[in-house]
Structures are given as C-alpha cells and as structure tokens.
Amino acid sequence: GKHAVLVANGCDDTLFATTDEAPLPDDVDLPAPIAGFIGHLSDRIDLALLEAVAATGRSLLLVGPRQPTFELGRMSRLLARPNVRWVGPKPFEALPSYLRAMHVGLTPYANTDFNRASFPLKTLEYLAGGRGFVETDLPAVRWLDSILITAETSPDRYAAAVVRALDTPRTPALTAERRALASRHSWAARTAEFAAVLGLRAPAEAR
C-alpha cells in the first residue's frame, strides 16, 4: 500500500567519456569495424544472436567472464570462428579501451523473466562511450524511449541491425547525441532524483 518511486540504474558517464582517448587494447587484432559485447557470457545471453552476428563475417569482440556451464559446445564453436575474439574478464577501469575498439555495442539478452526485470548498465555505458548499439526488446529499453536505440529479437533481424549499425558512420554530432542521452541517466542524475524523492537538496544546490 505504499507509493513506490522508480530510481533506475545509471552509468559512470565520466569514465566512458574517455573512450576515444583511451589506449587501444593490445589483445584485440580484429579488423574494423567491430561489434562487441561487454558483460558476463552466461545463460542470460541469447547465444543465437551472437551466432547470427558472427555468421555475417563481421568482427565480433567478447569482453567479460564466461559461465563454465553455459552452452559449452556452442560457445566453443563460436569462439573458434576466425572473426571472433574473446579476451576474458577485464577490470572496470580498462573497459573504455575495449569500447574504443568497438564501433557497435551489443546487449543480446534472452527473453526471460529475469532479463525483462533487469536494467542493463552496458546499454548506458555504450551510449556514454559514443557507440551505437543493438539491444533485444526489453522493458528497460522501451523506458529509455530514444530513436538512438535499436532493438531486435530474432537472430536474423538482430544480425541485420548490427550490420547496418556497423556501416553507419560515427559522426561527432551522433556521438554527442549518444553521450547526452547517457548523461541524462548518469549516477549524478540518479543521485539528484533520489535526493528529490527524499526532499533533500542535491549536492550542487547545497553549495
């Protein structure tokens, strides 16, 4: 019977704003442009979407830990493709370097109850880095409500959307639009929302 207020996830837009100045990683040797996924390779992922992207022949970079029990045979076949690189888990502070190597970020989540209730941080991190990205259709994606977001569900349509995104030039204007959207959903913005809910002044107002 209580009134509930949603304060959603945010992102470290300051860290990811350094993406284009970050050093390029020395363990990525794929030809550009690169589509990439940053996150946990686990049963939250719809592996058919990554397989479809890899089947286009475009470069696919995977960054993050791998669940040992997740689709062992299919994962091994995916990682054996010459256009796919898995570099394993990386420290959070190193992620801008890997995002710099990417032209397009991927959020290929499976259609599950857990994922439908989630708010993937990587979506906002891709935006903060100025990158395009292709998602699956989640309530959180619809909540963001932006023409900058592309969401597809079937493997063929998802892969086709990734190819279109890879072929879209990353202009300064488009990069600025993406970063502006991320800044509206930064942790600083969330702090201000939380302060307002509690009737407190945000730090900038308190000075």
C-alpha atoms as a PDB file:
ATOM      1  CA  GLY A   1       0.000   0.000   0.000  1.00  0.00           C
ATOM      2  CA  LYS A   2       2.998   2.311  -0.191  1.00  0.00           C
ATOM      3  CA  HIS A   3       3.690   4.703  -3.027  1.00  0.00           C
ATOM      4  CA  ALA A   4       6.729   3.476  -4.970  1.00  0.00           C
ATOM      5  CA  VAL A   5       9.140   5.594  -6.978  1.00  0.00           C
ATOM      6  CA  LEU A   6      11.500   4.037  -9.513  1.00  0.00           C
ATOM      7  CA  VAL A   7      15.073   5.300  -9.482  1.00  0.00           C
ATOM      8  CA  ALA A   8      16.636   3.294 -12.297  1.00  0.00           C
ATOM      9  CA  ASN A   9      20.228   2.229 -12.868  1.00  0.00           C
ATOM     10  CA  GLY A  10      22.679   4.817 -14.108  1.00  0.00           C
ATOM     11  CA  CYS A  11      26.155   4.821 -15.603  1.00  0.00           C
ATOM     12  CA  ASP A  12      29.614   6.233 -14.989  1.00  0.00           C
ATOM     13  CA  ASP A  13      29.409   8.652 -17.895  1.00  0.00           C
ATOM     14  CA  THR A  14      32.606  10.403 -16.805  1.00  0.00           C
ATOM     15  CA  LEU A  15      34.710   7.248 -17.159  1.00  0.00           C
ATOM     16  CA  PHE A  16      33.213   6.253 -20.510  1.00  0.00           C
ATOM     17  CA  ALA A  17      33.526   9.786 -21.854  1.00  0.00           C
ATOM     18  CA  THR A  18      37.276   8.989 -22.040  1.00  0.00           C
ATOM     19  CA  THR A  19      36.667   6.151 -24.539  1.00  0.00           C
ATOM     20  CA  ASP A  20      38.094   7.872 -27.616  1.00  0.00           C
ATOM     21  CA  GLU A  21      41.260   8.888 -25.728  1.00  0.00           C
ATOM     22  CA  ALA A  22      41.795   5.514 -24.012  1.00  0.00           C
ATOM     23  CA  PRO A  23      44.729   3.367 -25.206  1.00  0.00           C
ATOM     24  CA  LEU A  24      43.747   0.690 -27.665  1.00  0.00           C
ATOM     25  CA  PRO A  25      43.941  -2.810 -26.143  1.00  0.00           C
ATOM     26  CA  ASP A  26      46.906  -4.926 -27.201  1.00  0.00           C
ATOM     27  CA  ASP A  27      44.950  -8.208 -27.268  1.00  0.00           C
ATOM     28  CA  VAL A  28      42.447  -7.266 -29.992  1.00  0.00           C
ATOM     29  CA  ASP A  29      43.564  -7.903 -33.564  1.00  0.00           C
ATOM     30  CA  LEU A  30      40.223  -7.934 -35.380  1.00  0.00           C
ATOM     31  CA  PRO A  31      39.675  -5.783 -38.481  1.00  0.00           C
ATOM     32  CA  ALA A  32      37.431  -2.770 -38.008  1.00  0.00           C
ATOM     33  CA  PRO A  33      34.581  -2.095 -37.702  1.00  0.00           C
ATOM     34  CA  ILE A  34      33.993  -4.299 -34.679  1.00  0.00           C
ATOM     35  CA  ALA A  35      30.761  -5.274 -32.947  1.00  0.00           C
ATOM     36  CA  GLY A  36      31.356  -6.043 -29.287  1.00  0.00           C
ATOM     37  CA  PHE A  37      29.732  -7.355 -26.148  1.00  0.00           C
ATOM     38  CA  ILE A  38      30.906  -6.373 -22.660  1.00  0.00           C
ATOM     39  CA  GLY A  39      29.457  -8.486 -19.880  1.00  0.00           C
ATOM     40  CA  HIS A  40      29.032 -11.976 -18.471  1.00  0.00           C
ATOM     41  CA  LEU A  41      28.785 -14.727 -21.078  1.00  0.00           C
ATOM     42  CA  SER A  42      26.113 -16.711 -19.273  1.00  0.00           C
ATOM     43  CA  ASP A  43      22.625 -18.117 -19.646  1.00  0.00           C
ATOM     44  CA  ARG A  44      21.287 -14.554 -19.592  1.00  0.00           C
ATOM     45  CA  ILE A  45      22.605 -14.280 -23.170  1.00  0.00           C
ATOM     46  CA  ASP A  46      20.680 -15.406 -26.240  1.00  0.00           C
ATOM     47  CA  LEU A  47      23.588 -17.185 -27.879  1.00  0.00           C
ATOM     48  CA  ALA A  48      21.700 -17.477 -31.171  1.00  0.00           C
ATOM     49  CA  LEU A  49      22.008 -13.702 -31.561  1.00  0.00           C
ATOM     50  CA  LEU A  50      25.802 -13.749 -31.187  1.00  0.00           C
ATOM     51  CA  GLU A  51      25.994 -16.731 -33.555  1.00  0.00           C
ATOM     52  CA  ALA A  52      23.969 -14.804 -36.135  1.00  0.00           C
ATOM     53  CA  VAL A  53      26.247 -11.761 -35.829  1.00  0.00           C
ATOM     54  CA  ALA A  54      29.340 -13.957 -36.227  1.00  0.00           C
ATOM     55  CA  ALA A  55      27.778 -15.660 -39.264  1.00  0.00           C
ATOM     56  CA  THR A  56      27.752 -12.325 -41.113  1.00  0.00           C
ATOM     57  CA  GLY A  57      31.546 -12.486 -41.167  1.00  0.00           C
ATOM     58  CA  ARG A  58      31.874  -9.165 -39.334  1.00  0.00           C
ATOM     59  CA  SER A  59      34.309  -8.833 -36.439  1.00  0.00           C
ATOM     60  CA  LEU A  60      32.892  -9.795 -33.040  1.00  0.00           C
ATOM     61  CA  LEU A  61      34.705  -8.975 -29.782  1.00  0.00           C
ATOM     62  CA  LEU A  62      33.592 -10.509 -26.472  1.00  0.00           C
ATOM     63  CA  VAL A  63      34.815  -8.986 -23.193  1.00  0.00           C
ATOM     64  CA  GLY A  64      33.977 -10.465 -19.817  1.00  0.00           C
ATOM     65  CA  PRO A  65      33.867 -13.655 -17.749  1.00  0.00           C
ATOM     66  CA  ARG A  66      32.376 -16.854 -19.083  1.00  0.00           C
ATOM     67  CA  GLN A  67      29.992 -19.117 -17.181  1.00  0.00           C
ATOM     68  CA  PRO A  68      31.716 -22.552 -17.326  1.00  0.00           C
ATOM     69  CA  THR A  69      28.437 -24.459 -17.728  1.00  0.00           C
ATOM     70  CA  PHE A  70      26.930 -22.228 -20.415  1.00  0.00           C
ATOM     71  CA  GLU A  71      26.443 -23.967 -23.788  1.00  0.00           C
ATOM     72  CA  LEU A  72      29.930 -25.488 -23.856  1.00  0.00           C
ATOM     73  CA  GLY A  73      29.783 -26.899 -27.382  1.00  0.00           C
ATOM     74  CA  ARG A  74      28.124 -23.886 -28.986  1.00  0.00           C
ATOM     75  CA  MET A  75      30.406 -21.441 -27.180  1.00  0.00           C
ATOM     76  CA  SER A  76      33.491 -23.370 -28.278  1.00  0.00           C
ATOM     77  CA  ARG A  77      32.315 -23.288 -31.893  1.00  0.00           C
ATOM     78  CA  LEU A  78      31.562 -19.572 -31.683  1.00  0.00           C
ATOM     79  CA  LEU A  79      34.951 -18.734 -30.190  1.00  0.00           C
ATOM     80  CA  ALA A  80      36.714 -20.858 -32.818  1.00  0.00           C
ATOM     81  CA  ARG A  81      35.496 -18.612 -35.641  1.00  0.00           C
ATOM     82  CA  PRO A  82      38.331 -16.516 -37.120  1.00  0.00           C
ATOM     83  CA  ASN A  83      36.268 -13.305 -36.858  1.00  0.00           C
ATOM     84  CA  VAL A  84      35.517 -13.757 -33.123  1.00  0.00           C
ATOM     85  CA  ARG A  85      37.795 -12.864 -30.173  1.00  0.00           C
ATOM     86  CA  TRP A  86      37.106 -13.494 -26.510  1.00  0.00           C
ATOM     87  CA  VAL A  87      39.568 -11.622 -24.279  1.00  0.00           C
ATOM     88  CA  GLY A  88      38.170 -12.756 -20.925  1.00  0.00           C
ATOM     89  CA  PRO A  89      37.326 -10.603 -17.903  1.00  0.00           C
ATOM     90  CA  LYS A  90      38.842  -7.130 -17.619  1.00  0.00           C
ATOM     91  CA  PRO A  91      38.936  -4.548 -14.799  1.00  0.00           C
ATOM     92  CA  PHE A  92      36.151  -1.987 -14.960  1.00  0.00           C
ATOM     93  CA  GLU A  93      38.693   0.830 -15.415  1.00  0.00           C
ATOM     94  CA  ALA A  94      40.004  -0.879 -18.577  1.00  0.00           C
ATOM     95  CA  LEU A  95      36.615  -1.076 -20.300  1.00  0.00           C
ATOM     96  CA  PRO A  96      36.913   2.262 -22.156  1.00  0.00           C
ATOM     97  CA  SER A  97      39.924   0.826 -24.012  1.00  0.00           C
ATOM     98  CA  TYR A  98      37.899  -2.146 -25.214  1.00  0.00           C
ATOM     99  CA  LEU A  99      34.928   0.040 -26.027  1.00  0.00           C
ATOM    100  CA  ARG A 100      37.230   2.234 -28.096  1.00  0.00           C
ATOM    101  CA  ALA A 101      37.982  -0.795 -30.280  1.00  0.00           C
ATOM    102  CA  MET A 102      34.251  -1.270 -30.915  1.00  0.00           C
ATOM    103  CA  HIS A 103      32.040   0.560 -33.366  1.00  0.00           C
ATOM    104  CA  VAL A 104      28.834  -1.046 -32.102  1.00  0.00           C
ATOM    105  CA  GLY A 105      27.939  -2.490 -28.693  1.00  0.00           C
ATOM    106  CA  LEU A 106      25.636  -5.462 -28.212  1.00  0.00           C
ATOM    107  CA  THR A 107      23.123  -6.329 -25.492  1.00  0.00           C
ATOM    108  CA  PRO A 108      21.898  -9.747 -26.690  1.00  0.00           C
ATOM    109  CA  TYR A 109      19.787 -10.753 -23.685  1.00  0.00           C
ATOM    110  CA  ALA A 110      17.471 -13.749 -23.795  1.00  0.00           C
ATOM    111  CA  ASN A 111      13.728 -13.238 -23.384  1.00  0.00           C
ATOM    112  CA  THR A 112      13.422 -14.390 -19.765  1.00  0.00           C
ATOM    113  CA  ASP A 113      11.557 -13.124 -16.710  1.00  0.00           C
ATOM    114  CA  PHE A 114      14.865 -12.150 -15.086  1.00  0.00           C
ATOM    115  CA  ASN A 115      16.062 -10.173 -18.091  1.00  0.00           C
ATOM    116  CA  ARG A 116      12.700  -8.477 -18.574  1.00  0.00           C
ATOM    117  CA  ALA A 117      13.006  -7.208 -14.991  1.00  0.00           C
ATOM    118  CA  SER A 118      16.603  -6.045 -15.477  1.00  0.00           C
ATOM    119  CA  PHE A 119      18.123  -2.719 -16.467  1.00  0.00           C
ATOM    120  CA  PRO A 120      21.383  -3.474 -18.303  1.00  0.00           C
ATOM    121  CA  LEU A 121      24.099  -0.980 -17.404  1.00  0.00           C
ATOM    122  CA  LYS A 122      26.002  -1.817 -20.573  1.00  0.00           C
ATOM    123  CA  THR A 123      23.329  -0.043 -22.635  1.00  0.00           C
ATOM    124  CA  LEU A 124      24.122   3.280 -20.979  1.00  0.00           C
ATOM    125  CA  GLU A 125      27.869   2.592 -20.995  1.00  0.00           C
ATOM    126  CA  TYR A 126      27.829   2.068 -24.772  1.00  0.00           C
ATOM    127  CA  LEU A 127      25.988   5.378 -25.136  1.00  0.00           C
ATOM    128  CA  ALA A 128      28.388   7.183 -22.787  1.00  0.00           C
ATOM    129  CA  GLY A 129      31.236   5.914 -24.965  1.00  0.00           C
ATOM    130  CA  GLY A 130      29.529   7.397 -28.019  1.00  0.00           C
ATOM    131  CA  ARG A 131      28.944   3.995 -29.570  1.00  0.00           C
ATOM    132  CA  GLY A 132      25.949   2.677 -31.426  1.00  0.00           C
ATOM    133  CA  PHE A 133      24.400  -0.479 -30.092  1.00  0.00           C
ATOM    134  CA  VAL A 134      21.781  -3.114 -30.794  1.00  0.00           C
ATOM    135  CA  GLU A 135      19.607  -4.491 -27.999  1.00  0.00           C
ATOM    136  CA  THR A 136      16.937  -7.070 -27.540  1.00  0.00           C
ATOM    137  CA  ASP A 137      13.483  -5.729 -26.793  1.00  0.00           C
ATOM    138  CA  LEU A 138      13.384  -5.275 -23.005  1.00  0.00           C
ATOM    139  CA  PRO A 139      11.061  -3.075 -20.919  1.00  0.00           C
ATOM    140  CA  ALA A 140      14.093  -1.025 -19.822  1.00  0.00           C
ATOM    141  CA  VAL A 141      14.913  -0.291 -23.468  1.00  0.00           C
ATOM    142  CA  ARG A 142      11.359   0.880 -24.108  1.00  0.00           C
ATOM    143  CA  TRP A 143      11.528   3.019 -20.958  1.00  0.00           C
ATOM    144  CA  LEU A 144      14.578   4.867 -22.318  1.00  0.00           C
ATOM    145  CA  ASP A 145      12.399   5.729 -25.336  1.00  0.00           C
ATOM    146  CA  SER A 146      15.000   7.045 -27.772  1.00  0.00           C
ATOM    147  CA  ILE A 147      15.440   6.883 -31.536  1.00  0.00           C
ATOM    148  CA  LEU A 148      19.128   6.274 -30.819  1.00  0.00           C
ATOM    149  CA  ILE A 149      18.258   2.762 -29.606  1.00  0.00           C
ATOM    150  CA  THR A 150      17.804  -0.190 -31.955  1.00  0.00           C
ATOM    151  CA  ALA A 151      16.045  -3.272 -30.576  1.00  0.00           C
ATOM    152  CA  GLU A 152      15.502  -6.572 -32.390  1.00  0.00           C
ATOM    153  CA  THR A 153      14.644 -10.057 -31.175  1.00  0.00           C
ATOM    154  CA  SER A 154      15.018 -12.664 -33.933  1.00  0.00           C
ATOM    155  CA  PRO A 155      18.587 -13.702 -34.831  1.00  0.00           C
ATOM    156  CA  ASP A 156      18.301 -12.686 -38.499  1.00  0.00           C
ATOM    157  CA  ARG A 157      16.859  -9.252 -37.756  1.00  0.00           C
ATOM    158  CA  TYR A 158      19.304  -8.711 -34.909  1.00  0.00           C
ATOM    159  CA  ALA A 159      22.310  -9.536 -37.108  1.00  0.00           C
ATOM    160  CA  ALA A 160      20.987  -7.344 -39.929  1.00  0.00           C
ATOM    161  CA  ALA A 161      20.587  -4.433 -37.484  1.00  0.00           C
ATOM    162  CA  VAL A 162      24.172  -4.929 -36.291  1.00  0.00           C
ATOM    163  CA  VAL A 163      25.460  -4.835 -39.877  1.00  0.00           C
ATOM    164  CA  ARG A 164      23.528  -1.603 -40.522  1.00  0.00           C
ATOM    165  CA  ALA A 165      24.939  -0.093 -37.331  1.00  0.00           C
ATOM    166  CA  LEU A 166      28.482  -1.128 -38.280  1.00  0.00           C
ATOM    167  CA  ASP A 167      28.046   0.620 -41.627  1.00  0.00           C
ATOM    168  CA  THR A 168      26.704   3.837 -40.043  1.00  0.00           C
ATOM    169  CA  PRO A 169      29.452   6.493 -39.697  1.00  0.00           C
ATOM    170  CA  ARG A 170      30.115   7.657 -36.127  1.00  0.00           C
ATOM    171  CA  THR A 171      29.908  11.398 -36.705  1.00  0.00           C
ATOM    172  CA  PRO A 172      30.721  13.959 -33.995  1.00  0.00           C
ATOM    173  CA  ALA A 173      27.059  15.006 -33.893  1.00  0.00           C
ATOM    174  CA  LEU A 174      25.822  11.434 -33.426  1.00  0.00           C
ATOM    175  CA  THR A 175      28.461  10.774 -30.767  1.00  0.00           C
ATOM    176  CA  ALA A 176      27.374  13.920 -28.905  1.00  0.00           C
ATOM    177  CA  GLU A 177      23.705  12.849 -29.032  1.00  0.00           C
ATOM    178  CA  ARG A 178      24.537   9.443 -27.576  1.00  0.00           C
ATOM    179  CA  ARG A 179      26.634  10.930 -24.781  1.00  0.00           C
ATOM    180  CA  ALA A 180      23.943  13.478 -23.981  1.00  0.00           C
ATOM    181  CA  LEU A 181      21.404  10.675 -23.551  1.00  0.00           C
ATOM    182  CA  ALA A 182      23.808   8.794 -21.268  1.00  0.00           C
ATOM    183  CA  SER A 183      24.428  11.915 -19.173  1.00  0.00           C
ATOM    184  CA  ARG A 184      20.695  12.183 -18.511  1.00  0.00           C
ATOM    185  CA  HIS A 185      20.965   8.718 -16.967  1.00  0.00           C
ATOM    186  CA  SER A 186      24.294   9.119 -15.147  1.00  0.00           C
ATOM    187  CA  TRP A 187      24.832   8.267 -11.483  1.00  0.00           C
ATOM    188  CA  ALA A 188      24.914  12.019 -10.802  1.00  0.00           C
ATOM    189  CA  ALA A 189      21.468  12.378 -12.368  1.00  0.00           C
ATOM    190  CA  ARG A 190      20.206   9.410 -10.346  1.00  0.00           C
ATOM    191  CA  THR A 191      21.596  10.972  -7.153  1.00  0.00           C
ATOM    192  CA  ALA A 192      19.620  14.128  -7.876  1.00  0.00           C
ATOM    193  CA  GLU A 193      16.469  12.058  -8.451  1.00  0.00           C
ATOM    194  CA  PHE A 194      16.993  10.193  -5.187  1.00  0.00           C
ATOM    195  CA  ALA A 195      17.619  13.435  -3.296  1.00  0.00           C
ATOM    196  CA  ALA A 196      14.428  14.927  -4.727  1.00  0.00           C
ATOM    197  CA  VAL A 197      12.392  11.885  -3.630  1.00  0.00           C
ATOM    198  CA  LEU A 198      13.749  12.289  -0.095  1.00  0.00           C
ATOM    199  CA  GLY A 199      13.172  16.047  -0.109  1.00  0.00           C
ATOM    200  CA  LEU A 200      16.898  16.762   0.068  1.00  0.00           C
ATOM    201  CA  ARG A 201      18.894  19.260  -1.883  1.00  0.00           C
ATOM    202  CA  ALA A 202      21.249  17.813  -4.475  1.00  0.00           C
ATOM    203  CA  PRO A 203      24.983  18.467  -3.787  1.00  0.00           C
ATOM    204  CA  ALA A 204      25.175  21.255  -6.398  1.00  0.00           C
ATOM    205  CA  GLU A 205      22.211  23.024  -4.780  1.00  0.00           C
ATOM    206  CA  ALA A 206      23.636  22.664  -1.275  1.00  0.00           C
ATOM    207  CA  ARG A 207      26.760  24.719  -2.064  1.00  0.00           C
END
